[in-house]
Amino acid sequence: MHTSELTPEIRAALSEPRPYPAITLVMPTDPDFPFSEKDRIMLRDLVTEAKRRLAEDPDVSREARLELRNHVLDTAAIEQVADPFHPDDAMVVYVATDEPVQVWQMTSVAPVRPRVEFADEFLTRYLVAAEERSRPFLALVLDQEMCRLYHGSVKRLDEVEHHGFPCEPEIPSPEDALPGPIPHAPPYEGHWERLEQYLRRVDKRLGDAIEEHEGDLPLFVIGGDKTLSAFRDVTTHGDMIAGTLPLTGMDKDRPADLMKRLEPVLAEFREKQVAEALDALGEARGLGKYAGGPQEVWTAVADKRVALLIVEEGLDLAGRITEYGRVLELVEVPEPVTLPEPRPDVEPPPHALGVATDIVDQLVDRAVDADSQVLFVPDGTLAEAGGVAAVLRY
């Protein structure tokens, strides 16, 4: 599965309590050569590390240890679940007793550290942070023969094949087409009325897709001038439209070709989005609703006061979390442990005890939980604030 399929319902299901240990494996992958020898070695070493922890962890029951070690924690089984046809930058594997292995593939613009985590629930913060970093959006292709919807990110475009998409017109006969005209003839009487009916149905299905993602994704619409105009007249989601493109190739463009056409529009929208966020920070300063710096922002997120969280894309933080999760004590980010010898990660030196190296992931996850907007911006944008700032609700 890919992070584009992560909905609030799926995330809630992943976060449900499970018998200890619910195991989360995180690893970078090669986007050019999925499941290359390098990836296989990394996965094998993570599985070996997880089995070692199973053997040494006194909180793991004998039954769980035997089931996980002998039947679930298996590199070949994990590879079979993964999708080799959609290469990505990282992968998260969820393993627990009495349920199948889940493999989630992610596109992340930031480096991903290999990790093995034991808990009483699957850790979704890596998926949430990766989804936010990937700058997700929706792209709607309006065509009189077929309308298609795509979920996009910074590096990929996937067609949505549910919520009634792809959506074709209901055509009783060629002479009474819905909505297209008879070939080589002027539009028949009532053609545009029928087109509007069709577009209203498309808009309703679009609404179902938007609701799945809680209505916070920018929407880019591709269509002919007249069709775009008609859609703007009937849509109830006009405030979400972030850009438009002329239609070429009807609805037949391959996702890769469509993504190339979208890139300039996405870049323009991105620049506008960053500029508006910086303006919002300036206004928040004047109103006393500004937080800047990792510690101050962490506390504001913990208190659910953040309306908009802004983070530099390459920000990497490590620290200790104290006082019931409200206070962050920063420490120097440790050098990543080189597998296949991750033992220092498990038995850190005394000065590293209690240090979390995924502070940014946790920050984003907590902000999303509190219904805050999250925006990643280019490195250096928030240099004066230590790479992270926020607009507060109060």
Protein backbone atom coordinates (compact mmCIF):
# COMPACT_ATOMS: atom_id res chain seq x y z
CA MET A 1 0.00 0.00 0.00
CA HIS A 2 1.06 3.59 -0.53
CA THR A 3 0.64 6.62 1.72
CA SER A 4 -1.82 8.03 -0.85
CA GLU A 5 -4.23 5.36 0.45
CA LEU A 6 -3.86 6.46 4.09
CA THR A 7 -7.24 7.75 5.28
CA PRO A 8 -8.23 8.84 8.80
CA GLU A 9 -10.14 5.56 9.19
CA ILE A 10 -7.14 3.43 8.17
CA ARG A 11 -4.84 5.44 10.39
CA ALA A 12 -7.21 4.96 13.34
CA ALA A 13 -7.31 1.20 12.67
CA LEU A 14 -3.51 1.01 12.55
CA SER A 15 -3.29 2.90 15.85
CA GLU A 16 -5.66 0.59 17.74
CA PRO A 17 -4.14 -1.21 20.75
CA ARG A 18 -2.64 -4.61 19.95
CA PRO A 19 -1.09 -7.39 22.01
CA TYR A 20 2.54 -6.52 22.72
CA PRO A 21 4.63 -6.39 20.63
CA ALA A 22 3.14 -4.60 17.64
CA ILE A 23 6.29 -4.26 15.52
CA THR A 24 7.04 -1.35 13.19
CA LEU A 25 9.98 -1.63 10.79
CA VAL A 26 11.11 1.51 8.94
CA MET A 27 13.74 1.60 6.18
CA PRO A 28 14.86 3.68 3.21
CA THR A 29 14.52 2.05 -0.22
CA ASP A 30 16.05 2.63 -3.63
CA PRO A 31 13.46 4.40 -5.84
CA ASP A 32 15.31 3.46 -9.02
CA PHE A 33 15.81 -0.24 -8.28
CA PRO A 34 13.04 -1.48 -5.97
CA PHE A 35 14.07 -4.43 -3.83
CA SER A 36 17.61 -4.31 -5.08
CA GLU A 37 20.23 -6.34 -3.27
CA LYS A 38 20.91 -3.33 -1.03
CA ASP A 39 17.22 -3.14 -0.03
CA ARG A 40 17.08 -6.87 0.63
CA ILE A 41 20.13 -6.70 2.88
CA MET A 42 18.63 -3.78 4.82
CA LEU A 43 15.31 -5.61 5.25
CA ARG A 44 17.06 -8.81 6.30
CA ASP A 45 19.06 -6.95 8.93
CA LEU A 46 15.97 -5.22 10.32
CA VAL A 47 14.16 -8.55 10.57
CA THR A 48 17.21 -10.06 12.29
CA GLU A 49 17.27 -7.16 14.72
CA ALA A 50 13.54 -7.59 15.44
CA LYS A 51 14.04 -11.30 16.15
CA ARG A 52 16.91 -10.51 18.50
CA ARG A 53 14.70 -8.09 20.41
CA LEU A 54 11.96 -10.73 20.57
CA ALA A 55 14.38 -13.14 22.19
CA GLU A 56 15.65 -10.60 24.74
CA ASP A 57 12.48 -8.67 25.62
CA PRO A 58 11.00 -10.06 28.87
CA ASP A 59 7.61 -8.46 28.12
CA VAL A 60 7.07 -10.66 25.05
CA SER A 61 5.07 -13.78 25.82
CA ARG A 62 6.40 -17.16 24.73
CA GLU A 63 3.43 -17.71 22.37
CA ALA A 64 3.90 -14.33 20.67
CA ARG A 65 7.66 -14.89 20.39
CA LEU A 66 7.23 -18.26 18.67
CA GLU A 67 4.50 -17.08 16.27
CA LEU A 68 6.33 -13.92 15.23
CA ARG A 69 9.74 -15.57 14.94
CA ASN A 70 8.61 -18.69 13.07
CA HIS A 71 5.67 -17.54 10.95
CA VAL A 72 5.40 -13.75 10.58
CA LEU A 73 8.82 -12.08 10.66
CA ASP A 74 10.04 -13.29 7.28
CA THR A 75 11.79 -11.24 4.60
CA ALA A 76 10.32 -13.27 1.72
CA ALA A 77 6.78 -12.77 3.05
CA ILE A 78 7.34 -9.02 3.37
CA GLU A 79 8.67 -8.79 -0.19
CA GLN A 80 5.61 -10.62 -1.51
CA VAL A 81 3.29 -8.05 0.07
CA ALA A 82 5.22 -5.03 -1.25
CA ASP A 83 4.43 -3.54 -4.65
CA PRO A 84 7.56 -3.71 -6.86
CA PHE A 85 5.94 -1.68 -9.64
CA HIS A 86 5.70 1.55 -7.63
CA PRO A 87 9.20 2.36 -6.41
CA ASP A 88 9.43 4.79 -3.52
CA ASP A 89 11.99 6.24 -1.12
CA ALA A 90 11.01 4.37 2.02
CA MET A 91 8.98 1.53 3.44
CA VAL A 92 7.13 0.85 6.69
CA VAL A 93 6.29 -2.73 7.68
CA TYR A 94 3.72 -3.59 10.36
CA VAL A 95 3.92 -7.00 12.02
CA ALA A 96 1.73 -8.40 14.82
CA THR A 97 0.34 -11.72 15.97
CA ASP A 98 -2.90 -13.04 14.45
CA GLU A 99 -2.90 -10.64 11.49
CA PRO A 100 -1.24 -10.43 8.08
CA VAL A 101 1.89 -8.40 7.47
CA GLN A 102 1.22 -4.88 6.16
CA VAL A 103 3.71 -3.08 3.91
CA TRP A 104 3.34 0.65 3.28
CA GLN A 105 5.55 2.39 0.72
CA MET A 106 6.30 6.10 1.05
CA THR A 107 7.63 8.98 -0.98
CA SER A 108 9.68 11.20 1.30
CA VAL A 109 11.78 14.24 0.46
CA ALA A 110 13.76 13.79 3.70
CA PRO A 111 16.19 11.00 4.62
CA VAL A 112 14.60 8.04 6.41
CA ARG A 113 16.46 6.29 9.22
CA PRO A 114 16.17 2.50 9.58
CA ARG A 115 14.30 1.64 12.77
CA VAL A 116 12.81 -1.28 14.66
CA GLU A 117 10.08 -0.27 17.12
CA PHE A 118 8.17 -2.42 19.64
CA ALA A 119 4.97 -0.98 21.11
CA ASP A 120 1.38 -1.88 21.95
CA GLU A 121 0.19 -0.28 18.71
CA PHE A 122 1.57 0.25 15.21
CA LEU A 123 3.39 3.58 14.92
CA THR A 124 1.75 5.66 12.17
CA ARG A 125 3.79 8.83 12.66
CA TYR A 126 6.22 7.83 9.90
CA LEU A 127 3.36 7.45 7.41
CA VAL A 128 1.73 10.71 8.47
CA ALA A 129 4.97 12.71 8.22
CA ALA A 130 5.81 11.15 4.85
CA GLU A 131 2.36 11.95 3.48
CA GLU A 132 2.61 15.57 4.61
CA ARG A 133 6.13 15.89 3.19
CA SER A 134 4.99 14.51 -0.16
CA ARG A 135 2.75 17.59 -0.70
CA PRO A 136 -0.38 15.60 -1.63
CA PHE A 137 -2.96 16.95 -4.08
CA LEU A 138 -5.89 15.86 -6.25
CA ALA A 139 -6.01 16.24 -10.04
CA LEU A 140 -9.34 16.02 -11.86
CA VAL A 141 -9.41 15.44 -15.63
CA LEU A 142 -12.68 16.67 -17.15
CA ASP A 143 -13.50 15.08 -20.48
CA GLN A 144 -16.84 14.66 -22.17
CA GLU A 145 -16.17 10.97 -22.74
CA MET A 146 -14.61 10.09 -19.37
CA CYS A 147 -13.63 12.00 -16.23
CA ARG A 148 -10.76 10.72 -14.14
CA LEU A 149 -9.42 11.59 -10.70
CA TYR A 150 -5.81 11.25 -9.55
CA HIS A 151 -4.12 11.46 -6.16
CA GLY A 152 -0.71 13.06 -6.56
CA SER A 153 2.43 13.75 -4.58
CA VAL A 154 5.79 15.34 -5.22
CA LYS A 155 6.98 12.31 -7.20
CA ARG A 156 4.01 10.23 -8.32
CA LEU A 157 0.46 10.28 -9.61
CA ASP A 158 -2.01 7.45 -8.94
CA GLU A 159 -5.45 7.13 -10.49
CA VAL A 160 -8.35 6.95 -8.05
CA GLU A 161 -10.51 3.96 -8.90
CA HIS A 162 -13.22 4.24 -6.27
CA HIS A 163 -15.88 6.81 -5.28
CA GLY A 164 -17.34 6.26 -8.78
CA PHE A 165 -14.17 7.11 -10.68
CA PRO A 166 -13.41 6.92 -13.53
CA CYS A 167 -16.77 8.50 -14.29
CA GLU A 168 -18.29 8.11 -17.74
CA PRO A 169 -21.50 9.75 -18.99
CA GLU A 170 -24.71 7.78 -19.06
CA ILE A 171 -25.27 7.43 -22.82
CA PRO A 172 -28.58 5.85 -23.92
CA SER A 173 -27.71 6.11 -27.64
CA PRO A 174 -25.26 7.94 -29.95
CA GLU A 175 -28.03 10.27 -31.14
CA ASP A 176 -28.94 11.24 -27.58
CA ALA A 177 -25.44 11.35 -26.16
CA LEU A 178 -24.67 12.44 -22.62
CA PRO A 179 -22.85 14.80 -22.90
CA GLY A 180 -20.89 14.76 -26.17
CA PRO A 181 -22.12 16.04 -29.52
CA ILE A 182 -22.69 13.86 -32.57
CA PRO A 183 -19.32 13.54 -34.37
CA HIS A 184 -18.67 16.18 -37.04
CA ALA A 185 -21.90 18.02 -36.21
CA PRO A 186 -22.69 21.17 -34.20
CA PRO A 187 -23.78 20.54 -30.60
CA TYR A 188 -27.36 19.42 -30.51
CA GLU A 189 -30.01 21.33 -28.59
CA GLY A 190 -29.65 20.80 -24.87
CA HIS A 191 -26.05 19.55 -25.13
CA TRP A 192 -24.65 21.94 -22.50
CA GLU A 193 -27.54 21.24 -20.14
CA ARG A 194 -26.70 17.55 -20.32
CA LEU A 195 -23.01 18.32 -19.87
CA GLU A 196 -23.83 20.23 -16.69
CA GLN A 197 -25.80 17.23 -15.42
CA TYR A 198 -22.78 15.06 -16.05
CA LEU A 199 -20.42 17.50 -14.32
CA ARG A 200 -22.71 17.71 -11.30
CA ARG A 201 -22.47 13.94 -10.95
CA VAL A 202 -18.67 14.15 -11.27
CA ASP A 203 -18.63 16.90 -8.63
CA LYS A 204 -20.66 14.78 -6.21
CA ARG A 205 -18.21 11.89 -6.59
CA LEU A 206 -15.33 14.32 -6.19
CA GLY A 207 -16.89 15.39 -2.90
CA ASP A 208 -16.75 11.80 -1.64
CA ALA A 209 -13.03 11.63 -2.48
CA ILE A 210 -12.37 15.00 -0.81
CA GLU A 211 -14.23 13.89 2.32
CA GLU A 212 -12.01 10.78 2.51
CA HIS A 213 -8.99 13.06 2.85
CA GLU A 214 -10.84 15.43 5.19
CA GLY A 215 -11.04 18.17 2.54
CA ASP A 216 -7.55 19.59 2.96
CA LEU A 217 -5.91 18.73 -0.39
CA PRO A 218 -5.43 21.30 -3.18
CA LEU A 219 -7.33 20.47 -6.37
CA PHE A 220 -6.01 20.92 -9.90
CA VAL A 221 -8.52 20.67 -12.74
CA ILE A 222 -7.69 19.80 -16.35
CA GLY A 223 -10.24 20.43 -19.10
CA GLY A 224 -11.26 22.39 -22.18
CA ASP A 225 -12.16 26.05 -21.74
CA LYS A 226 -15.92 25.53 -22.05
CA THR A 227 -15.92 22.43 -19.86
CA LEU A 228 -13.84 24.19 -17.18
CA SER A 229 -16.24 27.12 -17.26
CA ALA A 230 -19.23 24.81 -16.93
CA PHE A 231 -17.58 22.93 -14.05
CA ARG A 232 -16.87 26.15 -12.17
CA ASP A 233 -20.57 27.02 -12.50
CA VAL A 234 -21.77 23.75 -10.97
CA THR A 235 -19.05 22.67 -8.52
CA THR A 236 -19.44 23.04 -4.78
CA HIS A 237 -15.66 22.77 -4.36
CA GLY A 238 -14.56 25.88 -6.23
CA ASP A 239 -12.63 27.21 -3.22
CA MET A 240 -10.34 24.16 -3.38
CA ILE A 241 -9.25 24.70 -6.99
CA ALA A 242 -5.57 25.61 -6.84
CA GLY A 243 -4.88 25.67 -10.59
CA THR A 244 -6.11 24.60 -14.01
CA LEU A 245 -4.60 23.16 -17.19
CA PRO A 246 -5.94 22.88 -20.75
CA LEU A 247 -7.03 19.38 -21.79
CA THR A 248 -4.89 17.55 -24.32
CA GLY A 249 -5.27 13.96 -25.37
CA MET A 250 -8.78 13.75 -23.93
CA ASP A 251 -8.61 11.42 -20.89
CA LYS A 252 -5.88 9.24 -22.38
CA ASP A 253 -2.76 10.86 -20.90
CA ARG A 254 -0.59 8.43 -18.95
CA PRO A 255 -0.10 9.42 -15.29
CA ALA A 256 3.62 10.04 -15.91
CA ASP A 257 2.85 12.40 -18.84
CA LEU A 258 0.12 14.15 -16.89
CA MET A 259 2.50 14.63 -13.95
CA LYS A 260 5.03 16.34 -16.22
CA ARG A 261 2.35 18.74 -17.43
CA LEU A 262 1.30 19.46 -13.86
CA GLU A 263 4.80 20.23 -12.56
CA PRO A 264 4.89 23.96 -13.54
CA VAL A 265 1.42 24.54 -12.07
CA LEU A 266 2.38 22.69 -8.90
CA ALA A 267 5.59 24.75 -8.57
CA GLU A 268 3.65 28.00 -8.97
CA PHE A 269 1.11 26.90 -6.37
CA ARG A 270 3.91 25.82 -4.03
CA GLU A 271 5.62 29.23 -4.21
CA LYS A 272 2.33 30.96 -3.52
CA GLN A 273 1.61 28.61 -0.60
CA VAL A 274 5.00 29.31 1.03
CA ALA A 275 4.62 33.08 0.56
CA GLU A 276 1.15 33.04 2.14
CA ALA A 277 2.44 30.97 5.08
CA LEU A 278 5.24 33.47 5.74
CA ASP A 279 2.72 36.32 5.58
CA ALA A 280 0.56 34.43 8.09
CA LEU A 281 3.54 34.10 10.43
CA GLY A 282 4.20 37.83 10.19
CA GLU A 283 0.59 38.62 10.97
CA ALA A 284 0.62 36.14 13.86
CA ARG A 285 3.59 37.93 15.41
CA GLY A 286 1.62 41.16 15.54
CA LEU A 287 -1.34 39.40 17.14
CA GLY A 288 0.69 37.50 19.71
CA LYS A 289 -0.18 34.17 18.05
CA TYR A 290 3.31 33.16 16.94
CA ALA A 291 5.54 30.33 18.16
CA GLY A 292 9.08 29.86 16.90
CA GLY A 293 11.80 27.31 17.56
CA PRO A 294 11.51 23.56 18.25
CA GLN A 295 10.89 23.78 22.01
CA GLU A 296 8.27 26.51 21.88
CA VAL A 297 6.47 24.92 18.94
CA TRP A 298 6.58 21.46 20.58
CA THR A 299 4.79 22.77 23.67
CA ALA A 300 2.21 24.63 21.57
CA VAL A 301 1.49 21.46 19.56
CA ALA A 302 1.22 19.42 22.77
CA ASP A 303 -1.32 21.95 24.07
CA LYS A 304 -3.26 21.75 20.76
CA ARG A 305 -2.90 25.48 20.19
CA VAL A 306 -1.39 25.30 16.70
CA ALA A 307 -3.50 26.29 13.69
CA LEU A 308 -0.66 26.09 11.15
CA LEU A 309 2.63 24.23 11.63
CA ILE A 310 5.44 25.18 9.25
CA VAL A 311 8.54 22.97 9.07
CA GLU A 312 11.64 23.05 6.88
CA GLU A 313 11.81 19.97 4.66
CA GLY A 314 15.24 18.82 5.77
CA LEU A 315 14.86 19.57 9.48
CA ASP A 316 16.23 16.77 11.66
CA LEU A 317 15.81 16.94 15.44
CA ALA A 318 16.61 14.68 18.36
CA GLY A 319 15.73 15.18 21.99
CA ARG A 320 14.16 14.03 25.23
CA ILE A 321 10.46 14.57 25.86
CA THR A 322 9.56 15.34 29.47
CA GLU A 323 6.79 16.73 31.69
CA TYR A 324 3.94 14.64 30.33
CA GLY A 325 4.97 15.18 26.72
CA ARG A 326 4.90 18.99 26.87
CA VAL A 327 8.59 19.83 27.08
CA LEU A 328 11.28 19.06 24.52
CA GLU A 329 14.96 19.04 25.49
CA LEU A 330 17.05 19.14 22.31
CA VAL A 331 20.25 17.12 21.94
CA GLU A 332 22.66 16.76 19.05
CA VAL A 333 21.30 14.45 16.37
CA PRO A 334 23.26 11.18 16.68
CA GLU A 335 25.00 9.68 13.71
CA PRO A 336 22.84 6.96 12.13
CA VAL A 337 23.84 3.40 12.99
CA THR A 338 25.05 1.48 9.97
CA LEU A 339 23.29 -1.83 9.55
CA PRO A 340 23.85 -4.78 9.74
CA GLU A 341 25.16 -3.92 13.22
CA PRO A 342 22.34 -1.83 14.75
CA ARG A 343 23.00 -3.03 18.30
CA PRO A 344 24.12 0.45 19.52
CA ASP A 345 20.60 1.65 18.68
CA VAL A 346 19.23 -0.88 21.14
CA GLU A 347 21.74 -0.39 23.91
CA PRO A 348 22.67 3.30 23.67
CA PRO A 349 25.30 4.89 25.89
CA PRO A 350 23.97 6.47 29.12
CA HIS A 351 24.01 10.03 27.71
CA ALA A 352 21.70 8.90 24.87
CA LEU A 353 19.08 7.16 27.01
CA GLY A 354 15.59 8.47 26.38
CA VAL A 355 16.62 10.35 23.22
CA ALA A 356 14.11 10.24 20.35
CA THR A 357 15.54 10.75 16.86
CA ASP A 358 12.16 11.13 15.16
CA ILE A 359 11.12 14.41 16.78
CA VAL A 360 9.93 15.98 13.50
CA ASP A 361 7.80 12.92 12.69
CA GLN A 362 6.25 13.04 16.17
CA LEU A 363 5.66 16.79 15.89
CA VAL A 364 3.81 16.40 12.58
CA ASP A 365 1.81 13.43 13.84
CA ARG A 366 0.67 15.30 16.97
CA ALA A 367 -0.22 18.37 14.91
CA VAL A 368 -2.35 16.30 12.52
CA ASP A 369 -4.04 14.66 15.52
CA ALA A 370 -4.95 18.15 16.77
CA ASP A 371 -6.44 19.14 13.37
CA SER A 372 -3.59 21.55 12.65
CA GLN A 373 -2.55 22.36 9.10
CA VAL A 374 1.01 21.28 8.26
CA LEU A 375 3.22 22.81 5.61
CA PHE A 376 6.79 21.85 4.72
CA VAL A 377 8.89 24.66 3.25
CA PRO A 378 12.36 24.76 1.63
CA ASP A 379 15.37 24.60 3.91
CA GLY A 380 16.54 28.04 5.06
CA THR A 381 13.04 29.56 4.96
CA LEU A 382 12.78 29.53 8.77
CA ALA A 383 16.46 29.92 9.66
CA GLU A 384 15.75 32.50 12.38
CA ALA A 385 13.25 30.14 14.03
CA GLY A 386 15.46 27.07 14.00
CA GLY A 387 13.60 25.46 11.12
CA VAL A 388 10.10 25.36 12.63
CA ALA A 389 7.40 27.91 13.46
CA ALA A 390 3.65 28.00 14.02
CA VAL A 391 0.57 30.19 13.82
CA LEU A 392 -1.39 29.69 17.04
CA ARG A 393 -5.14 29.49 17.51
CA TYR A 394 -4.91 31.59 20.68
